[in-house]
PDB file of all heavy atoms in Angstrom:
ATOM      1  N   LEU A   1      10.179  14.070 -18.640  1.00  0.00           N
ATOM      2  CA  LEU A   1      10.266  12.968 -17.697  1.00  0.00           C
ATOM      3  C   LEU A   1      10.969  13.389 -16.412  1.00  0.00           C
ATOM      4  O   LEU A   1      11.750  14.355 -16.398  1.00  0.00           O
ATOM      5  CB  LEU A   1      11.041  11.803 -18.324  1.00  0.00           C
ATOM      6  CG  LEU A   1      10.266  10.915 -19.295  1.00  0.00           C
ATOM      7  CD1 LEU A   1      11.216  10.252 -20.270  1.00  0.00           C
ATOM      8  CD2 LEU A   1       9.453   9.872 -18.546  1.00  0.00           C
ATOM      9  N   ARG A   2      10.701  12.659 -15.345  1.00  0.00           N
ATOM     10  CA  ARG A   2      11.427  12.899 -14.111  1.00  0.00           C
ATOM     11  C   ARG A   2      12.898  12.523 -14.292  1.00  0.00           C
ATOM     12  O   ARG A   2      13.246  11.625 -15.057  1.00  0.00           O
ATOM     13  CB  ARG A   2      10.819  12.087 -12.968  1.00  0.00           C
ATOM     14  CG  ARG A   2       9.447  12.593 -12.564  1.00  0.00           C
ATOM     15  CD  ARG A   2       8.884  11.825 -11.401  1.00  0.00           C
ATOM     16  NE  ARG A   2       9.632  12.063 -10.175  1.00  0.00           N
ATOM     17  CZ  ARG A   2       9.271  11.577  -8.977  1.00  0.00           C
ATOM     18  NH1 ARG A   2       8.191  10.816  -8.873  1.00  0.00           N
ATOM     19  NH2 ARG A   2       9.995  11.832  -7.903  1.00  0.00           N
ATOM     20  N   THR A   3      13.775  13.238 -13.601  1.00  0.00           N
ATOM     21  CA  THR A   3      15.211  13.008 -13.718  1.00  0.00           C
ATOM     22  C   THR A   3      15.586  11.670 -13.090  1.00  0.00           C
ATOM     23  O   THR A   3      15.185  11.391 -11.953  1.00  0.00           O
ATOM     24  CB  THR A   3      15.990  14.126 -13.014  1.00  0.00           C
ATOM     25  OG1 THR A   3      15.623  15.381 -13.599  1.00  0.00           O
ATOM     26  CG2 THR A   3      17.495  13.913 -13.139  1.00  0.00           C
ATOM     27  N   PRO A   4      16.322  10.812 -13.803  1.00  0.00           N
ATOM     28  CA  PRO A   4      16.775   9.558 -13.202  1.00  0.00           C
ATOM     29  C   PRO A   4      17.655   9.819 -11.988  1.00  0.00           C
ATOM     30  O   PRO A   4      18.502  10.722 -11.995  1.00  0.00           O
ATOM     31  CB  PRO A   4      17.579   8.896 -14.330  1.00  0.00           C
ATOM     32  CG  PRO A   4      17.089   9.541 -15.582  1.00  0.00           C
ATOM     33  CD  PRO A   4      16.733  10.943 -15.208  1.00  0.00           C
ATOM     34  N   LEU A   5      17.467   9.018 -10.940  1.00  0.00           N
ATOM     35  CA  LEU A   5      18.242   9.161  -9.716  1.00  0.00           C
ATOM     36  C   LEU A   5      19.011   7.878  -9.422  1.00  0.00           C
ATOM     37  O   LEU A   5      18.493   6.779  -9.590  1.00  0.00           O
ATOM     38  CB  LEU A   5      17.315   9.464  -8.530  1.00  0.00           C
ATOM     39  CG  LEU A   5      16.495  10.752  -8.605  1.00  0.00           C
ATOM     40  CD1 LEU A   5      15.581  10.854  -7.395  1.00  0.00           C
ATOM     41  CD2 LEU A   5      17.394  11.973  -8.696  1.00  0.00           C
ATOM     42  N   THR A   6      20.260   8.027  -8.981  1.00  0.00           N
ATOM     43  CA  THR A   6      21.047   6.875  -8.536  1.00  0.00           C
ATOM     44  C   THR A   6      20.616   6.495  -7.120  1.00  0.00           C
ATOM     45  O   THR A   6      19.869   7.216  -6.451  1.00  0.00           O
ATOM     46  CB  THR A   6      22.541   7.196  -8.541  1.00  0.00           C
ATOM     47  OG1 THR A   6      22.793   8.233  -7.566  1.00  0.00           O
ATOM     48  CG2 THR A   6      22.989   7.681  -9.912  1.00  0.00           C
ATOM     49  N   ARG A   7      21.110   5.359  -6.647  1.00  0.00           N
ATOM     50  CA  ARG A   7      20.827   4.933  -5.273  1.00  0.00           C
ATOM     51  C   ARG A   7      21.293   5.994  -4.284  1.00  0.00           C
ATOM     52  O   ARG A   7      20.582   6.330  -3.313  1.00  0.00           O
ATOM     53  CB  ARG A   7      21.509   3.601  -4.991  1.00  0.00           C
ATOM     54  CG  ARG A   7      21.268   3.063  -3.587  1.00  0.00           C
ATOM     55  CD  ARG A   7      22.102   1.819  -3.323  1.00  0.00           C
ATOM     56  NE  ARG A   7      21.933   1.372  -1.945  1.00  0.00           N
ATOM     57  CZ  ARG A   7      21.234   0.304  -1.579  1.00  0.00           C
ATOM     58  NH1 ARG A   7      20.615  -0.408  -2.496  1.00  0.00           N
ATOM     59  NH2 ARG A   7      21.139  -0.047  -0.313  1.00  0.00           N
ATOM     60  N   GLU A   8      22.501   6.561  -4.512  1.00  0.00           N
ATOM     61  CA  GLU A   8      23.048   7.567  -3.598  1.00  0.00           C
ATOM     62  C   GLU A   8      22.169   8.819  -3.577  1.00  0.00           C
ATOM     63  O   GLU A   8      21.929   9.405  -2.503  1.00  0.00           O
ATOM     64  CB  GLU A   8      24.474   7.926  -4.002  1.00  0.00           C
ATOM     65  CG  GLU A   8      25.497   6.811  -3.809  1.00  0.00           C
ATOM     66  CD  GLU A   8      25.338   5.669  -4.806  1.00  0.00           C
ATOM     67  OE1 GLU A   8      24.802   5.922  -5.916  1.00  0.00           O
ATOM     68  OE2 GLU A   8      25.732   4.532  -4.479  1.00  0.00           O
ATOM     69  N   GLU A   9      21.670   9.210  -4.744  1.00  0.00           N
ATOM     70  CA  GLU A   9      20.785  10.382  -4.796  1.00  0.00           C
ATOM     71  C   GLU A   9      19.451  10.094  -4.127  1.00  0.00           C
ATOM     72  O   GLU A   9      18.874  10.973  -3.467  1.00  0.00           O
ATOM     73  CB  GLU A   9      20.583  10.804  -6.252  1.00  0.00           C
ATOM     74  CG  GLU A   9      21.842  11.396  -6.874  1.00  0.00           C
ATOM     75  CD  GLU A   9      21.734  11.542  -8.383  1.00  0.00           C
ATOM     76  OE1 GLU A   9      20.998  10.757  -9.018  1.00  0.00           O
ATOM     77  OE2 GLU A   9      22.393  12.458  -8.924  1.00  0.00           O
ATOM     78  N   GLN A  10      18.950   8.862  -4.284  1.00  0.00           N
ATOM     79  CA  GLN A  10      17.708   8.484  -3.607  1.00  0.00           C
ATOM     80  C   GLN A  10      17.875   8.558  -2.086  1.00  0.00           C
ATOM     81  O   GLN A  10      16.977   9.028  -1.378  1.00  0.00           O
ATOM     82  CB  GLN A  10      17.313   7.061  -4.002  1.00  0.00           C
ATOM     83  CG  GLN A  10      16.807   6.912  -5.418  1.00  0.00           C
ATOM     84  CD  GLN A  10      15.291   6.984  -5.501  1.00  0.00           C
ATOM     85  OE1 GLN A  10      14.605   7.277  -4.534  1.00  0.00           O
ATOM     86  NE2 GLN A  10      14.771   6.706  -6.676  1.00  0.00           N
ATOM     87  N   GLU A  11      19.011   8.095  -1.579  1.00  0.00           N
ATOM     88  CA  GLU A  11      19.214   8.028  -0.141  1.00  0.00           C
ATOM     89  C   GLU A  11      19.298   9.406   0.504  1.00  0.00           C
ATOM     90  O   GLU A  11      19.092   9.537   1.720  1.00  0.00           O
ATOM     91  CB  GLU A  11      20.481   7.218   0.159  1.00  0.00           C
ATOM     92  CG  GLU A  11      20.314   5.726  -0.122  1.00  0.00           C
ATOM     93  CD  GLU A  11      21.577   4.933   0.058  1.00  0.00           C
ATOM     94  OE1 GLU A  11      22.661   5.572   0.131  1.00  0.00           O
ATOM     95  OE2 GLU A  11      21.506   3.689   0.119  1.00  0.00           O
ATOM     96  N   LYS A  12      19.566  10.433  -0.279  1.00  0.00           N
ATOM     97  CA  LYS A  12      19.600  11.794   0.249  1.00  0.00           C
ATOM     98  C   LYS A  12      18.205  12.383   0.408  1.00  0.00           C
ATOM     99  O   LYS A  12      18.036  13.418   1.052  1.00  0.00           O
ATOM    100  CB  LYS A  12      20.442  12.683  -0.670  1.00  0.00           C
ATOM    101  CG  LYS A  12      21.931  12.324  -0.686  1.00  0.00           C
ATOM    102  CD  LYS A  12      22.697  13.211  -1.653  1.00  0.00           C
ATOM    103  CE  LYS A  12      24.172  12.823  -1.702  1.00  0.00           C
ATOM    104  NZ  LYS A  12      24.924  13.661  -2.685  1.00  0.00           N
ATOM    105  N   LEU A  13      17.204  11.732  -0.208  1.00  0.00           N
ATOM    106  CA  LEU A  13      15.834  12.223  -0.131  1.00  0.00           C
ATOM    107  C   LEU A  13      15.148  11.719   1.137  1.00  0.00           C
ATOM    108  O   LEU A  13      15.502  10.659   1.665  1.00  0.00           O
ATOM    109  CB  LEU A  13      15.041  11.751  -1.345  1.00  0.00           C
ATOM    110  CG  LEU A  13      15.502  12.219  -2.722  1.00  0.00           C
ATOM    111  CD1 LEU A  13      14.669  11.530  -3.803  1.00  0.00           C
ATOM    112  CD2 LEU A  13      15.368  13.729  -2.851  1.00  0.00           C
ATOM    113  N   PRO A  14      14.145  12.448   1.634  1.00  0.00           N
ATOM    114  CA  PRO A  14      13.331  11.911   2.729  1.00  0.00           C
ATOM    115  C   PRO A  14      12.669  10.606   2.276  1.00  0.00           C
ATOM    116  O   PRO A  14      12.360  10.448   1.089  1.00  0.00           O
ATOM    117  CB  PRO A  14      12.278  13.007   2.956  1.00  0.00           C
ATOM    118  CG  PRO A  14      12.860  14.239   2.349  1.00  0.00           C
ATOM    119  CD  PRO A  14      13.720  13.790   1.215  1.00  0.00           C
ATOM    120  N   PRO A  15      12.449   9.642   3.180  1.00  0.00           N
ATOM    121  CA  PRO A  15      11.897   8.334   2.782  1.00  0.00           C
ATOM    122  C   PRO A  15      10.621   8.417   1.961  1.00  0.00           C
ATOM    123  O   PRO A  15      10.443   7.647   1.013  1.00  0.00           O
ATOM    124  CB  PRO A  15      11.657   7.646   4.129  1.00  0.00           C
ATOM    125  CG  PRO A  15      12.672   8.253   5.047  1.00  0.00           C
ATOM    126  CD  PRO A  15      12.787   9.692   4.604  1.00  0.00           C
ATOM    127  N   HIS A  16       9.751   9.370   2.276  1.00  0.00           N
ATOM    128  CA  HIS A  16       8.468   9.450   1.560  1.00  0.00           C
ATOM    129  C   HIS A  16       8.630   9.959   0.132  1.00  0.00           C
ATOM    130  O   HIS A  16       7.705   9.873  -0.668  1.00  0.00           O
ATOM    131  CB  HIS A  16       7.477  10.326   2.321  1.00  0.00           C
ATOM    132  CG  HIS A  16       7.841  11.791   2.347  1.00  0.00           C
ATOM    133  ND1 HIS A  16       8.763  12.297   3.230  1.00  0.00           N
ATOM    134  CD2 HIS A  16       7.411  12.836   1.589  1.00  0.00           C
ATOM    135  CE1 HIS A  16       8.886  13.600   3.024  1.00  0.00           C
ATOM    136  NE2 HIS A  16       8.083  13.954   2.034  1.00  0.00           N
ATOM    137  N   GLU A  17       9.813  10.503  -0.218  1.00  0.00           N
ATOM    138  CA  GLU A  17      10.046  11.001  -1.562  1.00  0.00           C
ATOM    139  C   GLU A  17      10.812  10.008  -2.437  1.00  0.00           C
ATOM    140  O   GLU A  17      11.006  10.249  -3.621  1.00  0.00           O
ATOM    141  CB  GLU A  17      10.812  12.329  -1.519  1.00  0.00           C
ATOM    142  CG  GLU A  17      10.023  13.483  -0.915  1.00  0.00           C
ATOM    143  CD  GLU A  17      10.777  14.786  -0.966  1.00  0.00           C
ATOM    144  OE1 GLU A  17      11.799  14.847  -1.697  1.00  0.00           O
ATOM    145  OE2 GLU A  17      10.383  15.741  -0.273  1.00  0.00           O
ATOM    146  N   ARG A  18      11.245   8.895  -1.883  1.00  0.00           N
ATOM    147  CA  ARG A  18      11.981   7.899  -2.655  1.00  0.00           C
ATOM    148  C   ARG A  18      10.999   7.068  -3.471  1.00  0.00           C
ATOM    149  O   ARG A  18       9.979   6.621  -2.973  1.00  0.00           O
ATOM    150  CB  ARG A  18      12.799   7.003  -1.717  1.00  0.00           C
ATOM    151  CG  ARG A  18      13.838   7.770  -0.928  1.00  0.00           C
ATOM    152  CD  ARG A  18      14.511   6.905   0.112  1.00  0.00           C
ATOM    153  NE  ARG A  18      15.300   7.732   1.027  1.00  0.00           N
ATOM    154  CZ  ARG A  18      15.864   7.284   2.141  1.00  0.00           C
ATOM    155  NH1 ARG A  18      15.735   5.995   2.472  1.00  0.00           N
ATOM    156  NH2 ARG A  18      16.554   8.101   2.918  1.00  0.00           N
ATOM    157  N   ASP A  19      11.323   6.881  -4.723  1.00  0.00           N
ATOM    158  CA  ASP A  19      10.412   6.192  -5.637  1.00  0.00           C
ATOM    159  C   ASP A  19      11.228   5.246  -6.506  1.00  0.00           C
ATOM    160  O   ASP A  19      12.148   5.674  -7.202  1.00  0.00           O
ATOM    161  CB  ASP A  19       9.678   7.212  -6.512  1.00  0.00           C
ATOM    162  CG  ASP A  19       8.555   6.591  -7.314  1.00  0.00           C
ATOM    163  OD1 ASP A  19       8.703   5.436  -7.768  1.00  0.00           O
ATOM    164  OD2 ASP A  19       7.524   7.259  -7.511  1.00  0.00           O
ATOM    165  N   MET A  20      10.882   3.956  -6.474  1.00  0.00           N
ATOM    166  CA  MET A  20      11.689   2.990  -7.220  1.00  0.00           C
ATOM    167  C   MET A  20      11.637   3.236  -8.719  1.00  0.00           C
ATOM    168  O   MET A  20      12.544   2.843  -9.443  1.00  0.00           O
ATOM    169  CB  MET A  20      11.242   1.564  -6.912  1.00  0.00           C
ATOM    170  CG  MET A  20       9.862   1.200  -7.376  1.00  0.00           C
ATOM    171  SD  MET A  20       9.478  -0.507  -6.881  1.00  0.00           S
ATOM    172  CE  MET A  20       7.793  -0.636  -7.469  1.00  0.00           C
ATOM    173  N   PHE A  21      10.596   3.892  -9.213  1.00  0.00           N
ATOM    174  CA  PHE A  21      10.482   4.091 -10.656  1.00  0.00           C
ATOM    175  C   PHE A  21      11.383   5.219 -11.153  1.00  0.00           C
ATOM    176  O   PHE A  21      11.632   5.324 -12.354  1.00  0.00           O
ATOM    177  CB  PHE A  21       9.039   4.371 -11.052  1.00  0.00           C
ATOM    178  CG  PHE A  21       8.108   3.219 -10.750  1.00  0.00           C
ATOM    179  CD1 PHE A  21       6.798   3.446 -10.369  1.00  0.00           C
ATOM    180  CD2 PHE A  21       8.542   1.912 -10.848  1.00  0.00           C
ATOM    181  CE1 PHE A  21       5.945   2.396 -10.087  1.00  0.00           C
ATOM    182  CE2 PHE A  21       7.699   0.851 -10.574  1.00  0.00           C
ATOM    183  CZ  PHE A  21       6.394   1.095 -10.186  1.00  0.00           C
ATOM    184  N   THR A  22      11.864   6.084 -10.274  1.00  0.00           N
ATOM    185  CA  THR A  22      12.806   7.115 -10.694  1.00  0.00           C
ATOM    186  C   THR A  22      14.253   6.665 -10.526  1.00  0.00           C
ATOM    187  O   THR A  22      15.170   7.353 -10.948  1.00  0.00           O
ATOM    188  CB  THR A  22      12.604   8.429  -9.915  1.00  0.00           C
ATOM    189  OG1 THR A  22      12.757   8.183  -8.516  1.00  0.00           O
ATOM    190  CG2 THR A  22      11.230   9.011 -10.178  1.00  0.00           C
ATOM    191  N   PHE A  23      14.443   5.505  -9.896  1.00  0.00           N
ATOM    192  CA  PHE A  23      15.798   4.978  -9.759  1.00  0.00           C
ATOM    193  C   PHE A  23      16.280   4.425 -11.097  1.00  0.00           C
ATOM    194  O   PHE A  23      15.584   3.651 -11.751  1.00  0.00           O
ATOM    195  CB  PHE A  23      15.847   3.863  -8.711  1.00  0.00           C
ATOM    196  CG  PHE A  23      17.132   3.086  -8.747  1.00  0.00           C
ATOM    197  CD1 PHE A  23      18.295   3.623  -8.221  1.00  0.00           C
ATOM    198  CD2 PHE A  23      17.190   1.848  -9.361  1.00  0.00           C
ATOM    199  CE1 PHE A  23      19.490   2.924  -8.285  1.00  0.00           C
ATOM    200  CE2 PHE A  23      18.377   1.138  -9.433  1.00  0.00           C
ATOM    201  CZ  PHE A  23      19.535   1.688  -8.888  1.00  0.00           C
ATOM    202  N   VAL A  24      17.504   4.803 -11.485  1.00  0.00           N
ATOM    203  CA  VAL A  24      18.132   4.268 -12.696  1.00  0.00           C
ATOM    204  C   VAL A  24      19.595   3.971 -12.368  1.00  0.00           C
ATOM    205  O   VAL A  24      20.335   4.857 -11.943  1.00  0.00           O
ATOM    206  CB  VAL A  24      18.054   5.263 -13.873  1.00  0.00           C
ATOM    207  CG1 VAL A  24      18.793   4.713 -15.093  1.00  0.00           C
ATOM    208  CG2 VAL A  24      16.601   5.559 -14.224  1.00  0.00           C
ATOM    209  N   SER A  25      19.986   2.706 -12.548  1.00  0.00           N
ATOM    210  CA  SER A  25      21.385   2.343 -12.312  1.00  0.00           C
ATOM    211  C   SER A  25      22.296   3.083 -13.284  1.00  0.00           C
ATOM    212  O   SER A  25      21.901   3.357 -14.426  1.00  0.00           O
ATOM    213  CB  SER A  25      21.578   0.837 -12.502  1.00  0.00           C
ATOM    214  OG  SER A  25      20.886   0.106 -11.521  1.00  0.00           O
ATOM    215  N   PRO A  26      23.522   3.393 -12.873  1.00  0.00           N
ATOM    216  CA  PRO A  26      24.476   4.013 -13.802  1.00  0.00           C
ATOM    217  C   PRO A  26      24.669   3.139 -15.037  1.00  0.00           C
ATOM    218  O   PRO A  26      24.654   1.907 -14.944  1.00  0.00           O
ATOM    219  CB  PRO A  26      25.766   4.109 -12.974  1.00  0.00           C
ATOM    220  CG  PRO A  26      25.305   4.107 -11.551  1.00  0.00           C
ATOM    221  CD  PRO A  26      24.090   3.231 -11.517  1.00  0.00           C
ATOM    222  N   PHE A  27      24.814   3.770 -16.190  1.00  0.00           N
ATOM    223  CA  PHE A  27      25.042   3.038 -17.443  1.00  0.00           C
ATOM    224  C   PHE A  27      26.351   2.283 -17.353  1.00  0.00           C
ATOM    225  O   PHE A  27      27.405   2.858 -17.052  1.00  0.00           O
ATOM    226  CB  PHE A  27      25.056   4.016 -18.611  1.00  0.00           C
ATOM    227  CG  PHE A  27      25.106   3.352 -19.958  1.00  0.00           C
ATOM    228  CD1 PHE A  27      23.989   2.730 -20.485  1.00  0.00           C
ATOM    229  CD2 PHE A  27      26.271   3.363 -20.711  1.00  0.00           C
ATOM    230  CE1 PHE A  27      24.031   2.116 -21.725  1.00  0.00           C
ATOM    231  CE2 PHE A  27      26.332   2.772 -21.950  1.00  0.00           C
ATOM    232  CZ  PHE A  27      25.200   2.140 -22.462  1.00  0.00           C
ATOM    233  N   ASN A  28      26.316   0.971 -17.590  1.00  0.00           N
ATOM    234  CA  ASN A  28      27.514   0.156 -17.394  1.00  0.00           C
ATOM    235  C   ASN A  28      27.396  -1.104 -18.247  1.00  0.00           C
ATOM    236  O   ASN A  28      26.849  -2.113 -17.820  1.00  0.00           O
ATOM    237  CB  ASN A  28      27.660  -0.207 -15.918  1.00  0.00           C
ATOM    238  CG  ASN A  28      28.944  -0.969 -15.636  1.00  0.00           C
ATOM    239  OD1 ASN A  28      29.820  -1.085 -16.488  1.00  0.00           O
ATOM    240  ND2 ASN A  28      29.067  -1.488 -14.426  1.00  0.00           N
TER     241      ASN A  28
END
């Protein structure tokens, strides 16, 4: 599977590489 990314990790990517399905909130 693709590696889960936090919001902060998503924001470091170019806009065209951000994908809502790879976003995973921290376990809490």
